[in-house]
Structure formats: C-alpha cells, structure tokens
C-alpha cells in the first residue's frame, strides 16, 4: 500500500497509525527485507505490517509518503485516514498481493470523497468528483455493465491519478 498525506510530518503519520518503532532502513528493498525478518513464518494470519515514511514535495507543499507491506493492503485504516486528512487530503493506492486488485481512496477534510476497486464502480461522498481526472489518465468510464471500453493498466492509471491529485511523482 502506498499512501500520500499532505501537510503531516512522517513521524506524526506513524504516530496516528499507532506504529511501534522497529528501527530504520533506507529504501523499499530494505523495508521489504525487514518485513521478511520480522514476519513469523508460522503465523499466516498475523495482522501486523511494516511501514516506512518520508517527506516528498508535491502540490500544495510537502507530503508524507508511506509504504506499508505485509498487510494485504489493510494497514491504512479509514480511521487513520480520516484523522490524517482532517485539514488536508490523502490518497491511498493498495494492491492485494499478486492478485489483479487495485484499490484507490481519496480523502479530503476527514471524509472519504472517492473510492474504487474498478473505476466504473465508485463510492464515497463524492464518487464522481474525480471523473475528469480519471479520464485524463486513461480510464474510459461507461455505464455499460460496469465495464470500461478498452483494457487499461489499472495499476499504472491509479498511480497516474494519485500523481495528478498530489503532484508527487
């Protein structure tokens, strides 16, 4: 799961997530290696996960990028995102392991504005608010049986959507 939060420092994001410090590392590869070291190979249902956070420049100021692994995309719970986006916004993109499932959540002012797994089936308080940006990044939204008119690399399109909304590349 990749989460971007505007205007909240990395340490504060981890505090809100109720993270327990497990040391530091540099880079995604080191984070994944650390997750493998901490993972109990006999506990397949362990709900713990490892998260790393750092600041990145983006639209409207600094953003905190949080990468969390080992949780099947469930680490950034809605209660955390509501608190973290209370005075700003947050974008979340998560995948379910190797399965072709890509989830997107957009929070503003503490509210889930737009969310989807498949772009033609959106939820949230303003499910259609991002439609023009979604079309700009390659999603073809149609009303025909919840499908798009052509094959789209959903993962790439969701990353592009997050980049357009946050200015973080």
N, C-alpha and C. Protein backbone atom coordinates (compact mmCIF):
# COMPACT_ATOMS: atom_id res chain seq x y z
N UNK A 1 0.84 -1.18 0.00
CA UNK A 1 0.00 0.00 0.00
C UNK A 1 0.88 1.23 0.00
N UNK A 2 0.53 2.19 -0.83
CA UNK A 2 1.22 3.47 -0.91
C UNK A 2 0.22 4.54 -0.50
N UNK A 3 0.58 5.33 0.50
CA UNK A 3 -0.29 6.40 0.98
C UNK A 3 0.45 7.72 0.91
N UNK A 4 -0.22 8.75 0.46
CA UNK A 4 0.31 10.11 0.44
C UNK A 4 -0.59 11.00 1.28
N UNK A 5 0.01 11.73 2.22
CA UNK A 5 -0.74 12.60 3.12
C UNK A 5 -0.12 13.99 3.05
N UNK A 6 -0.93 15.01 2.76
CA UNK A 6 -0.41 16.38 2.65
C UNK A 6 -0.38 17.07 4.01
N UNK A 7 0.79 17.69 4.28
CA UNK A 7 0.91 18.57 5.43
C UNK A 7 1.08 17.92 6.78
N UNK A 8 1.32 16.63 6.84
CA UNK A 8 1.53 15.93 8.10
C UNK A 8 2.90 15.28 8.04
N UNK A 9 3.76 15.57 9.00
CA UNK A 9 5.13 15.05 9.02
C UNK A 9 5.13 13.52 9.17
N UNK A 10 6.16 12.86 8.63
CA UNK A 10 6.24 11.40 8.71
C UNK A 10 6.08 10.83 10.11
N UNK A 11 6.75 11.41 11.09
CA UNK A 11 6.64 10.91 12.46
C UNK A 11 5.22 10.99 12.98
N UNK A 12 4.51 12.06 12.64
CA UNK A 12 3.12 12.22 13.08
C UNK A 12 2.21 11.22 12.38
N UNK A 13 2.46 10.96 11.09
CA UNK A 13 1.66 9.96 10.37
C UNK A 13 1.81 8.60 11.05
N UNK A 14 3.06 8.22 11.36
CA UNK A 14 3.29 6.93 12.02
C UNK A 14 2.67 6.89 13.41
N UNK A 15 2.69 8.01 14.13
CA UNK A 15 2.06 8.07 15.44
C UNK A 15 0.55 7.85 15.33
N UNK A 16 -0.09 8.53 14.38
CA UNK A 16 -1.54 8.37 14.18
C UNK A 16 -1.86 6.93 13.80
N UNK A 17 -0.97 6.30 13.02
CA UNK A 17 -1.17 4.90 12.63
C UNK A 17 -0.91 3.93 13.79
N UNK A 18 -0.51 4.48 14.94
CA UNK A 18 -0.22 3.68 16.12
C UNK A 18 0.93 2.71 15.88
N UNK A 19 1.92 3.17 15.11
CA UNK A 19 3.08 2.34 14.78
C UNK A 19 3.99 2.16 15.98
N UNK A 20 4.59 1.00 16.06
CA UNK A 20 5.60 0.71 17.07
C UNK A 20 6.96 0.72 16.37
N UNK A 21 7.86 1.59 16.79
CA UNK A 21 9.16 1.69 16.12
C UNK A 21 9.90 0.34 16.09
N UNK A 22 10.43 0.02 14.92
CA UNK A 22 11.17 -1.23 14.72
C UNK A 22 12.53 -0.96 14.08
N UNK A 23 13.04 0.25 14.24
CA UNK A 23 14.33 0.59 13.63
C UNK A 23 14.14 1.39 12.37
N UNK A 24 15.24 1.65 11.70
CA UNK A 24 15.19 2.42 10.46
C UNK A 24 15.89 1.65 9.35
N UNK A 25 15.56 2.01 8.12
CA UNK A 25 16.23 1.45 6.96
C UNK A 25 16.10 2.47 5.83
N UNK A 26 16.81 2.23 4.76
CA UNK A 26 16.77 3.13 3.62
C UNK A 26 16.35 2.36 2.38
N UNK A 27 15.27 2.79 1.76
CA UNK A 27 14.81 2.19 0.50
C UNK A 27 13.75 1.13 0.68
N UNK A 28 12.98 0.93 -0.40
CA UNK A 28 11.89 -0.04 -0.38
C UNK A 28 12.41 -1.47 -0.23
N UNK A 29 13.52 -1.79 -0.89
CA UNK A 29 14.07 -3.15 -0.77
C UNK A 29 14.41 -3.47 0.68
N UNK A 30 15.05 -2.52 1.37
CA UNK A 30 15.41 -2.74 2.77
C UNK A 30 14.16 -2.86 3.64
N UNK A 31 13.11 -2.12 3.32
CA UNK A 31 11.86 -2.21 4.08
C UNK A 31 11.25 -3.60 3.91
N UNK A 32 11.23 -4.10 2.70
CA UNK A 32 10.68 -5.43 2.43
C UNK A 32 11.53 -6.51 3.11
N UNK A 33 12.84 -6.37 3.07
CA UNK A 33 13.72 -7.31 3.77
C UNK A 33 13.44 -7.31 5.27
N UNK A 34 13.25 -6.12 5.82
CA UNK A 34 12.96 -6.00 7.26
C UNK A 34 11.63 -6.67 7.59
N UNK A 35 10.64 -6.51 6.73
CA UNK A 35 9.34 -7.17 6.93
C UNK A 35 9.54 -8.68 6.95
N UNK A 36 10.35 -9.21 6.03
CA UNK A 36 10.60 -10.65 5.98
C UNK A 36 11.30 -11.13 7.25
N UNK A 37 12.21 -10.31 7.80
CA UNK A 37 12.91 -10.66 9.04
C UNK A 37 11.95 -10.72 10.22
N UNK A 38 11.01 -9.80 10.27
CA UNK A 38 10.09 -9.71 11.41
C UNK A 38 8.91 -10.66 11.30
N UNK A 39 8.59 -11.10 10.09
CA UNK A 39 7.43 -11.94 9.85
C UNK A 39 7.65 -13.32 10.46
N UNK A 40 6.70 -13.77 11.23
CA UNK A 40 6.74 -15.11 11.79
C UNK A 40 6.22 -16.07 10.72
N UNK A 41 7.09 -16.93 10.17
CA UNK A 41 6.67 -17.79 9.07
C UNK A 41 5.57 -18.78 9.43
N UNK A 42 5.32 -19.01 10.72
CA UNK A 42 4.27 -19.95 11.12
C UNK A 42 2.93 -19.27 11.33
N UNK A 43 2.90 -17.93 11.34
CA UNK A 43 1.66 -17.22 11.61
C UNK A 43 1.15 -16.58 10.32
N UNK A 44 0.36 -17.32 9.56
CA UNK A 44 -0.13 -16.84 8.28
C UNK A 44 -1.20 -15.78 8.41
N UNK A 45 -1.79 -15.62 9.58
CA UNK A 45 -2.89 -14.68 9.77
C UNK A 45 -2.48 -13.47 10.59
N UNK A 46 -1.19 -13.28 10.78
CA UNK A 46 -0.69 -12.14 11.54
C UNK A 46 -1.12 -10.84 10.85
N UNK A 47 -1.76 -9.95 11.59
CA UNK A 47 -2.26 -8.69 11.02
C UNK A 47 -1.23 -7.56 11.09
N UNK A 48 -0.04 -7.85 11.61
CA UNK A 48 0.96 -6.80 11.70
C UNK A 48 1.55 -6.52 10.32
N UNK A 49 2.14 -5.35 10.21
CA UNK A 49 2.77 -4.96 8.96
C UNK A 49 3.87 -3.97 9.27
N UNK A 50 4.70 -3.73 8.29
CA UNK A 50 5.79 -2.78 8.44
C UNK A 50 5.52 -1.59 7.54
N UNK A 51 5.79 -0.40 8.04
CA UNK A 51 5.57 0.82 7.27
C UNK A 51 6.80 1.70 7.35
N UNK A 52 7.10 2.33 6.23
CA UNK A 52 8.16 3.33 6.19
C UNK A 52 7.56 4.63 5.71
N UNK A 53 8.08 5.76 6.19
CA UNK A 53 7.51 7.06 5.82
C UNK A 53 8.62 8.08 5.63
N UNK A 54 8.42 8.97 4.65
CA UNK A 54 9.36 10.06 4.41
C UNK A 54 8.64 11.19 3.70
N UNK A 55 9.23 12.38 3.72
CA UNK A 55 8.63 13.56 3.09
C UNK A 55 9.02 13.66 1.62
N UNK A 56 8.06 14.13 0.82
CA UNK A 56 8.29 14.38 -0.59
C UNK A 56 7.59 15.68 -0.97
N UNK A 57 8.16 16.45 -1.92
CA UNK A 57 7.48 17.66 -2.35
C UNK A 57 6.32 17.31 -3.28
N UNK A 58 5.28 18.12 -3.21
CA UNK A 58 4.13 17.90 -4.08
C UNK A 58 3.29 19.14 -4.18
N UNK A 59 2.12 19.00 -4.76
CA UNK A 59 1.17 20.09 -4.93
C UNK A 59 0.73 20.60 -3.56
N UNK A 60 0.89 21.89 -3.34
CA UNK A 60 0.42 22.50 -2.09
C UNK A 60 1.34 22.30 -0.90
N UNK A 61 2.58 21.85 -1.12
CA UNK A 61 3.53 21.69 -0.01
C UNK A 61 4.07 20.28 0.10
N UNK A 62 4.60 19.98 1.27
CA UNK A 62 5.17 18.65 1.49
C UNK A 62 4.10 17.62 1.75
N UNK A 63 4.38 16.43 1.28
CA UNK A 63 3.52 15.28 1.50
C UNK A 63 4.35 14.22 2.22
N UNK A 64 3.72 13.38 2.99
CA UNK A 64 4.38 12.21 3.55
C UNK A 64 3.97 11.02 2.72
N UNK A 65 4.96 10.30 2.23
CA UNK A 65 4.72 9.06 1.50
C UNK A 65 4.93 7.92 2.50
N UNK A 66 3.95 7.06 2.59
CA UNK A 66 4.02 5.89 3.48
C UNK A 66 3.91 4.65 2.60
N UNK A 67 4.88 3.77 2.74
CA UNK A 67 4.83 2.48 2.06
C UNK A 67 4.67 1.44 3.15
N UNK A 68 3.60 0.65 3.06
CA UNK A 68 3.44 -0.41 4.04
C UNK A 68 3.25 -1.73 3.32
N UNK A 69 3.93 -2.74 3.85
CA UNK A 69 3.96 -4.06 3.21
C UNK A 69 3.57 -5.12 4.23
N UNK A 70 3.09 -6.25 3.70
CA UNK A 70 2.82 -7.39 4.55
C UNK A 70 1.45 -7.42 5.17
N UNK A 71 0.56 -6.55 4.72
CA UNK A 71 -0.76 -6.48 5.36
C UNK A 71 -1.91 -6.69 4.39
N UNK A 72 -1.63 -7.05 3.15
CA UNK A 72 -2.70 -7.23 2.18
C UNK A 72 -3.45 -5.95 1.89
N UNK A 73 -2.83 -4.80 2.13
CA UNK A 73 -3.46 -3.52 1.82
C UNK A 73 -4.36 -2.99 2.92
N UNK A 74 -4.31 -3.57 4.10
CA UNK A 74 -5.25 -3.18 5.14
C UNK A 74 -4.63 -2.28 6.21
N UNK A 75 -3.37 -1.94 6.12
CA UNK A 75 -2.70 -1.19 7.17
C UNK A 75 -3.21 0.21 7.38
N UNK A 76 -3.56 0.90 6.31
CA UNK A 76 -4.01 2.28 6.44
C UNK A 76 -5.53 2.27 6.55
N UNK A 77 -6.01 2.14 7.78
CA UNK A 77 -7.44 2.03 8.03
C UNK A 77 -8.12 3.39 7.88
N UNK A 78 -9.42 3.35 7.64
CA UNK A 78 -10.17 4.58 7.41
C UNK A 78 -10.08 5.55 8.59
N UNK A 79 -10.07 5.05 9.81
CA UNK A 79 -9.99 5.96 10.97
C UNK A 79 -8.69 6.75 10.96
N UNK A 80 -7.59 6.14 10.50
CA UNK A 80 -6.32 6.85 10.39
C UNK A 80 -6.40 7.91 9.29
N UNK A 81 -6.98 7.54 8.15
CA UNK A 81 -7.06 8.46 7.02
C UNK A 81 -7.99 9.63 7.30
N UNK A 82 -9.05 9.39 8.03
CA UNK A 82 -9.95 10.48 8.41
C UNK A 82 -9.20 11.49 9.28
N UNK A 83 -8.44 10.99 10.23
CA UNK A 83 -7.67 11.89 11.12
C UNK A 83 -6.56 12.60 10.35
N UNK A 84 -5.84 11.88 9.50
CA UNK A 84 -4.70 12.47 8.79
C UNK A 84 -5.11 13.48 7.73
N UNK A 85 -6.30 13.34 7.19
CA UNK A 85 -6.75 14.26 6.15
C UNK A 85 -7.68 15.35 6.70
N UNK A 86 -7.81 15.45 8.00
CA UNK A 86 -8.75 16.38 8.62
C UNK A 86 -8.57 17.81 8.13
N UNK A 87 -7.35 18.25 7.95
CA UNK A 87 -7.07 19.61 7.46
C UNK A 87 -6.42 19.59 6.09
N UNK A 88 -6.60 18.54 5.34
CA UNK A 88 -5.95 18.43 4.03
C UNK A 88 -6.50 17.28 3.23
N UNK A 89 -5.58 16.46 2.72
CA UNK A 89 -6.03 15.34 1.90
C UNK A 89 -5.04 14.18 1.98
N UNK A 90 -5.53 13.03 1.53
CA UNK A 90 -4.73 11.82 1.48
C UNK A 90 -5.18 10.98 0.30
N UNK A 91 -4.23 10.34 -0.35
CA UNK A 91 -4.52 9.41 -1.44
C UNK A 91 -3.89 8.08 -1.09
N UNK A 92 -4.62 6.99 -1.32
CA UNK A 92 -4.14 5.66 -0.99
C UNK A 92 -4.33 4.76 -2.20
N UNK A 93 -3.28 4.02 -2.54
CA UNK A 93 -3.35 3.01 -3.59
C UNK A 93 -2.84 1.72 -2.99
N UNK A 94 -3.65 0.69 -3.02
CA UNK A 94 -3.21 -0.59 -2.49
C UNK A 94 -3.53 -1.70 -3.45
N UNK A 95 -2.71 -2.74 -3.39
CA UNK A 95 -2.91 -3.93 -4.20
C UNK A 95 -3.01 -5.12 -3.26
N UNK A 96 -3.69 -6.13 -3.69
CA UNK A 96 -3.86 -7.32 -2.89
C UNK A 96 -2.87 -8.39 -3.36
N UNK A 97 -1.63 -8.24 -2.92
CA UNK A 97 -0.60 -9.21 -3.27
C UNK A 97 -0.45 -9.33 -4.78
N UNK A 98 -0.40 -10.54 -5.29
CA UNK A 98 -0.24 -10.77 -6.72
C UNK A 98 -1.55 -10.77 -7.48
N UNK A 99 -2.66 -10.59 -6.78
CA UNK A 99 -3.96 -10.60 -7.45
C UNK A 99 -4.16 -9.28 -8.20
N UNK A 100 -4.91 -9.30 -9.28
CA UNK A 100 -5.13 -8.05 -10.04
C UNK A 100 -6.20 -7.17 -9.41
N UNK A 101 -5.98 -6.81 -8.14
CA UNK A 101 -6.91 -5.97 -7.41
C UNK A 101 -6.18 -4.71 -6.99
N UNK A 102 -6.67 -3.56 -7.43
CA UNK A 102 -6.03 -2.29 -7.12
C UNK A 102 -7.09 -1.34 -6.59
N UNK A 103 -6.91 -0.91 -5.35
CA UNK A 103 -7.88 -0.07 -4.68
C UNK A 103 -7.37 1.35 -4.59
N UNK A 104 -8.27 2.31 -4.71
CA UNK A 104 -7.91 3.72 -4.62
C UNK A 104 -8.88 4.40 -3.67
N UNK A 105 -8.33 5.27 -2.79
CA UNK A 105 -9.14 6.02 -1.85
C UNK A 105 -8.63 7.46 -1.83
N UNK A 106 -9.54 8.43 -1.93
CA UNK A 106 -9.21 9.85 -1.87
C UNK A 106 -9.98 10.48 -0.73
N UNK A 107 -9.24 11.01 0.24
CA UNK A 107 -9.83 11.67 1.41
C UNK A 107 -9.53 13.16 1.36
N UNK A 108 -10.51 13.99 1.70
CA UNK A 108 -10.32 15.43 1.89
C UNK A 108 -11.11 15.84 3.12
N UNK A 109 -10.50 16.70 3.91
CA UNK A 109 -11.15 17.24 5.11
C UNK A 109 -11.78 16.17 5.98
N UNK A 110 -11.06 15.05 6.13
CA UNK A 110 -11.50 13.99 7.01
C UNK A 110 -12.59 13.09 6.47
N UNK A 111 -12.94 13.25 5.18
CA UNK A 111 -14.02 12.46 4.60
C UNK A 111 -13.53 11.68 3.39
N UNK A 112 -14.04 10.46 3.24
CA UNK A 112 -13.75 9.66 2.06
C UNK A 112 -14.57 10.23 0.92
N UNK A 113 -13.89 10.85 -0.03
CA UNK A 113 -14.59 11.51 -1.15
C UNK A 113 -14.83 10.55 -2.31
N UNK A 114 -13.77 9.83 -2.72
CA UNK A 114 -13.90 8.91 -3.85
C UNK A 114 -13.10 7.66 -3.56
N UNK A 115 -13.70 6.50 -3.83
CA UNK A 115 -13.02 5.22 -3.65
C UNK A 115 -13.48 4.26 -4.73
N UNK A 116 -12.58 3.38 -5.14
CA UNK A 116 -12.98 2.35 -6.10
C UNK A 116 -11.95 1.24 -6.15
N UNK A 117 -12.42 0.08 -6.54
CA UNK A 117 -11.54 -1.01 -6.95
C UNK A 117 -11.51 -0.99 -8.48
N UNK A 118 -12.68 -0.94 -9.08
CA UNK A 118 -12.79 -0.81 -10.52
C UNK A 118 -13.38 0.57 -10.79
N UNK A 119 -12.81 1.34 -11.70
CA UNK A 119 -13.17 2.75 -11.84
C UNK A 119 -14.61 3.04 -12.22
N UNK A 120 -15.32 2.08 -12.76
CA UNK A 120 -16.72 2.33 -13.11
C UNK A 120 -17.67 2.09 -11.95
N UNK A 121 -17.14 1.59 -10.84
CA UNK A 121 -17.95 1.34 -9.66
C UNK A 121 -17.30 2.09 -8.50
N UNK A 122 -17.71 3.35 -8.35
CA UNK A 122 -17.09 4.24 -7.37
C UNK A 122 -18.00 4.45 -6.17
N UNK A 123 -17.38 4.76 -5.04
CA UNK A 123 -18.12 5.07 -3.83
C UNK A 123 -17.55 6.32 -3.19
N UNK A 124 -17.98 6.59 -1.95
CA UNK A 124 -17.54 7.77 -1.23
C UNK A 124 -18.60 8.86 -1.27
N UNK A 125 -18.32 9.98 -0.58
CA UNK A 125 -19.27 11.09 -0.51
C UNK A 125 -19.44 11.81 -1.85
N UNK A 126 -18.39 11.84 -2.66
CA UNK A 126 -18.45 12.47 -3.98
C UNK A 126 -17.82 11.53 -5.01
N UNK A 127 -18.48 10.42 -5.31
CA UNK A 127 -17.87 9.38 -6.15
C UNK A 127 -17.51 9.83 -7.56
N UNK A 128 -18.16 10.84 -8.08
CA UNK A 128 -17.90 11.28 -9.45
C UNK A 128 -17.01 12.51 -9.54
N UNK A 129 -16.53 13.01 -8.43
CA UNK A 129 -15.75 14.25 -8.42
C UNK A 129 -14.44 14.14 -9.20
N UNK A 130 -13.87 12.95 -9.31
CA UNK A 130 -12.59 12.79 -10.00
C UNK A 130 -12.73 12.26 -11.42
N UNK A 131 -13.96 12.17 -11.93
CA UNK A 131 -14.17 11.56 -13.24
C UNK A 131 -13.34 12.19 -14.36
N UNK A 132 -13.24 13.50 -14.40
CA UNK A 132 -12.48 14.13 -15.50
C UNK A 132 -11.00 13.79 -15.39
N UNK A 133 -10.46 13.76 -14.18
CA UNK A 133 -9.05 13.40 -13.99
C UNK A 133 -8.85 11.93 -14.32
N UNK A 134 -9.81 11.10 -13.94
CA UNK A 134 -9.72 9.67 -14.22
C UNK A 134 -9.69 9.44 -15.73
N UNK A 135 -10.51 10.16 -16.47
CA UNK A 135 -10.48 10.04 -17.93
C UNK A 135 -9.13 10.52 -18.49
N UNK A 136 -8.60 11.61 -17.93
CA UNK A 136 -7.31 12.14 -18.38
C UNK A 136 -6.18 11.13 -18.24
N UNK A 137 -6.23 10.27 -17.22
CA UNK A 137 -5.15 9.30 -17.01
C UNK A 137 -5.41 7.96 -17.70
N UNK A 138 -6.51 7.86 -18.46
CA UNK A 138 -6.72 6.68 -19.29
C UNK A 138 -7.92 5.83 -18.99
N UNK A 139 -8.63 6.10 -17.90
CA UNK A 139 -9.84 5.33 -17.63
C UNK A 139 -10.94 5.78 -18.58
N UNK A 140 -11.60 4.82 -19.22
CA UNK A 140 -12.77 5.13 -20.04
C UNK A 140 -13.98 4.70 -19.23
N UNK A 141 -14.68 5.66 -18.69
CA UNK A 141 -15.82 5.37 -17.84
C UNK A 141 -17.06 5.26 -18.70
N UNK A 142 -17.79 4.16 -18.54
CA UNK A 142 -19.04 3.98 -19.27
C UNK A 142 -20.07 3.43 -18.31
N UNK A 143 -21.31 3.45 -18.73
CA UNK A 143 -22.39 2.93 -17.91
C UNK A 143 -22.79 1.52 -18.30
N UNK A 144 -22.09 0.93 -19.27
CA UNK A 144 -22.44 -0.39 -19.77
C UNK A 144 -21.91 -1.50 -18.87
N UNK A 145 -22.79 -2.03 -18.04
CA UNK A 145 -22.49 -3.17 -17.19
C UNK A 145 -21.24 -2.98 -16.34
N UNK A 146 -20.91 -1.76 -15.97
CA UNK A 146 -19.78 -1.52 -15.08
C UNK A 146 -18.43 -1.82 -15.68
N UNK A 147 -18.32 -1.80 -16.98
CA UNK A 147 -17.06 -2.11 -17.64
C UNK A 147 -16.50 -0.88 -18.35
N UNK A 148 -15.22 -0.93 -18.66
CA UNK A 148 -14.63 0.11 -19.50
C UNK A 148 -14.62 -0.40 -20.93
N UNK A 149 -14.45 0.50 -21.87
CA UNK A 149 -14.49 0.14 -23.28
C UNK A 149 -13.20 -0.48 -23.79
N UNK A 150 -12.11 -0.35 -23.07
CA UNK A 150 -10.84 -0.93 -23.50
C UNK A 150 -10.05 -1.37 -22.28
N UNK A 151 -9.06 -2.19 -22.52
CA UNK A 151 -8.21 -2.67 -21.43
C UNK A 151 -7.29 -1.54 -20.97
N UNK A 152 -7.23 -1.32 -19.68
CA UNK A 152 -6.41 -0.27 -19.10
C UNK A 152 -5.53 -0.93 -18.04
N UNK A 153 -4.27 -0.54 -17.98
CA UNK A 153 -3.40 -0.99 -16.90
C UNK A 153 -3.85 -0.23 -15.65
N UNK A 154 -4.70 -0.87 -14.87
CA UNK A 154 -5.32 -0.21 -13.72
C UNK A 154 -4.28 0.30 -12.73
N UNK A 155 -3.25 -0.50 -12.47
CA UNK A 155 -2.23 -0.08 -11.51
C UNK A 155 -1.54 1.19 -11.99
N UNK A 156 -1.14 1.24 -13.26
CA UNK A 156 -0.48 2.43 -13.81
C UNK A 156 -1.43 3.63 -13.79
N UNK A 157 -2.68 3.40 -14.14
CA UNK A 157 -3.64 4.50 -14.17
C UNK A 157 -3.91 5.05 -12.76
N UNK A 158 -3.94 4.19 -11.77
CA UNK A 158 -4.15 4.65 -10.40
C UNK A 158 -2.94 5.44 -9.90
N UNK A 159 -1.73 4.99 -10.24
CA UNK A 159 -0.54 5.77 -9.88
C UNK A 159 -0.58 7.14 -10.56
N UNK A 160 -0.99 7.17 -11.82
CA UNK A 160 -1.10 8.45 -12.55
C UNK A 160 -2.17 9.34 -11.91
N UNK A 161 -3.27 8.74 -11.49
CA UNK A 161 -4.32 9.51 -10.82
C UNK A 161 -3.79 10.13 -9.53
N UNK A 162 -3.09 9.35 -8.73
CA UNK A 162 -2.51 9.87 -7.49
C UNK A 162 -1.51 10.97 -7.78
N UNK A 163 -0.72 10.81 -8.83
CA UNK A 163 0.25 11.86 -9.19
C UNK A 163 -0.47 13.16 -9.59
N UNK A 164 -1.52 13.05 -10.36
CA UNK A 164 -2.28 14.26 -10.76
C UNK A 164 -2.89 14.96 -9.57
N UNK A 165 -3.36 14.21 -8.59
CA UNK A 165 -4.02 14.80 -7.43
C UNK A 165 -3.05 15.38 -6.42
N UNK A 166 -1.86 14.80 -6.33
CA UNK A 166 -0.91 15.21 -5.29
C UNK A 166 0.30 15.98 -5.80
N UNK A 167 0.62 15.82 -7.07
CA UNK A 167 1.84 16.42 -7.60
C UNK A 167 3.07 15.62 -7.24
N UNK A 168 2.91 14.46 -6.60
CA UNK A 168 4.03 13.60 -6.23
C UNK A 168 4.22 12.58 -7.33
N UNK A 169 5.41 12.58 -7.91
CA UNK A 169 5.69 11.62 -8.99
C UNK A 169 6.35 10.39 -8.42
